[in-house]
Protein backbone atom coordinates (compact mmCIF):
# COMPACT_ATOMS: atom_id res chain seq x y z
CA MET A 1 0.01 0.02 0.02
CA LYS A 2 1.04 3.64 -0.53
CA LYS A 3 0.35 6.80 1.35
CA ILE A 4 0.06 9.81 -0.88
CA GLU A 5 0.34 13.20 0.68
CA ALA A 6 -0.40 16.19 -1.54
CA ILE A 7 -0.05 19.87 -0.67
CA ILE A 8 -2.28 21.85 -3.03
CA LYS A 9 -3.83 25.29 -3.37
CA PRO A 10 -7.12 25.61 -1.35
CA PHE A 11 -9.28 26.55 -4.29
CA LYS A 12 -8.30 23.28 -6.09
CA LEU A 13 -9.69 21.04 -3.34
CA ASP A 14 -13.14 20.40 -4.76
CA GLU A 15 -11.79 19.68 -8.26
CA VAL A 16 -9.19 17.24 -6.92
CA LYS A 17 -11.75 15.50 -4.65
CA ASP A 18 -14.17 15.08 -7.48
CA ALA A 19 -11.52 13.73 -9.83
CA LEU A 20 -10.34 11.21 -7.19
CA ASN A 21 -13.93 10.10 -6.61
CA GLU A 22 -14.20 9.42 -10.33
CA ILE A 23 -11.25 7.00 -10.28
CA GLY A 24 -12.61 5.17 -7.19
CA ILE A 25 -10.91 6.81 -4.24
CA GLN A 26 -13.40 6.54 -1.45
CA GLY A 27 -11.59 8.17 1.43
CA MET A 28 -9.05 10.82 2.21
CA THR A 29 -8.01 13.11 5.07
CA VAL A 30 -7.97 16.84 4.41
CA THR A 31 -6.15 19.30 6.57
CA GLU A 32 -5.77 23.08 6.34
CA VAL A 33 -2.05 23.79 6.68
CA LYS A 34 0.31 26.71 6.21
CA GLY A 35 3.81 26.68 4.86
CA PHE A 36 6.16 28.07 2.25
CA GLY A 37 8.50 26.78 -0.40
CA ARG A 38 10.01 28.81 -3.15
CA GLN A 39 7.24 31.41 -2.76
CA LYS A 40 8.80 32.58 0.47
CA GLY A 41 5.56 34.29 1.48
CA HIS A 42 4.41 37.68 0.32
CA THR A 43 3.80 41.24 1.53
CA GLU A 44 0.33 42.55 2.30
CA LEU A 45 -1.14 45.89 3.27
CA TYR A 46 -3.47 46.13 6.22
CA ARG A 47 -4.85 49.49 7.46
CA GLY A 48 -2.05 51.30 5.78
CA ALA A 49 0.71 49.17 7.32
CA GLU A 50 2.74 46.69 5.33
CA TYR A 51 3.45 43.29 6.78
CA ILE A 52 4.94 40.05 5.55
CA VAL A 53 2.92 36.83 5.39
CA ASP A 54 5.56 34.14 5.81
CA PHE A 55 3.25 31.14 5.65
CA ILE A 56 0.90 30.59 2.73
CA PRO A 57 -2.41 28.69 3.42
CA LYS A 58 -2.55 25.35 1.67
CA ILE A 59 -4.53 22.10 1.77
CA LYS A 60 -2.92 18.79 2.69
CA LEU A 61 -4.54 15.65 1.32
CA GLU A 62 -3.62 12.26 2.71
CA ILE A 63 -4.71 9.15 0.83
CA VAL A 64 -3.82 5.49 1.51
CA THR A 65 -4.38 3.22 -1.45
CA ALA A 66 -3.44 -0.07 -3.00
CA ASP A 67 -0.07 -0.09 -4.87
CA LYS A 68 -1.84 -0.63 -8.17
CA LEU A 69 -3.82 2.58 -7.85
CA ALA A 70 -1.06 4.86 -6.47
CA ALA A 71 0.32 5.98 -9.90
CA GLN A 72 -3.18 6.84 -11.08
CA VAL A 73 -3.89 8.82 -7.91
CA VAL A 74 -0.68 10.79 -8.24
CA SER A 75 -1.23 11.54 -11.89
CA THR A 76 -4.85 12.65 -11.18
CA ILE A 77 -3.79 14.98 -8.43
CA GLU A 78 -0.95 16.38 -10.55
CA LYS A 79 -3.21 17.00 -13.56
CA VAL A 80 -6.10 18.55 -11.72
CA ALA A 81 -4.20 20.67 -9.15
CA LYS A 82 -1.79 22.17 -11.67
CA THR A 83 -2.21 25.84 -12.52
CA GLY A 84 1.22 26.32 -13.95
CA LYS A 85 2.12 29.04 -11.44
CA ILE A 86 4.46 28.98 -8.50
CA GLY A 87 2.95 27.45 -5.38
CA ASP A 88 1.03 24.61 -7.03
CA GLY A 89 2.34 22.28 -4.33
CA LYS A 90 4.00 18.92 -3.93
CA ILE A 91 3.08 15.26 -3.86
CA PHE A 92 4.84 12.79 -1.59
CA VAL A 93 4.50 9.04 -1.89
CA SER A 94 5.59 6.61 0.88
CA SER A 95 5.02 2.94 1.70
CA VAL A 96 2.55 1.86 4.31
CA GLU A 97 3.32 -1.25 6.32
CA GLU A 98 -0.13 -1.98 7.70
CA VAL A 99 -3.63 -0.56 7.94
CA ILE A 100 -6.18 -1.65 10.52
CA ARG A 101 -9.81 -0.62 10.57
CA ILE A 102 -10.59 0.00 14.24
CA ARG A 103 -14.30 -0.79 14.06
CA THR A 104 -14.02 -4.25 12.44
CA GLY A 105 -10.41 -5.23 12.93
CA GLU A 106 -9.89 -5.68 9.19
CA GLN A 107 -6.28 -5.45 8.12
CA GLY A 108 -4.43 -4.62 4.94
CA GLU A 109 -6.04 -3.30 1.73
CA THR A 110 -9.53 -4.41 2.87
CA ALA A 111 -9.20 -1.88 5.76
CA VAL A 112 -8.61 1.01 3.39
């Protein structure tokens, strides 16, 4: 199994979620996060005072899926979340040793 973590722009969440539903992804965890990469934040004006916003709001998606679906999930996220502008985000893929559904005790891919 693979765990796919994607950091995307907030306004792309609904599009990505719908696209993942279409390929059969039934569950994901979504977290509002803040961070920066090459963007390095930006400057804003508030009541005449200028201040620096170091951390940019983003959305973090976490999806655990079977190995055979991982490449399709990654390509779907990459295609749908891409705007072509700086700050589109990152996708991380890692291996998952075990998954256990707490309610039923199911293990492995059936627990996902």
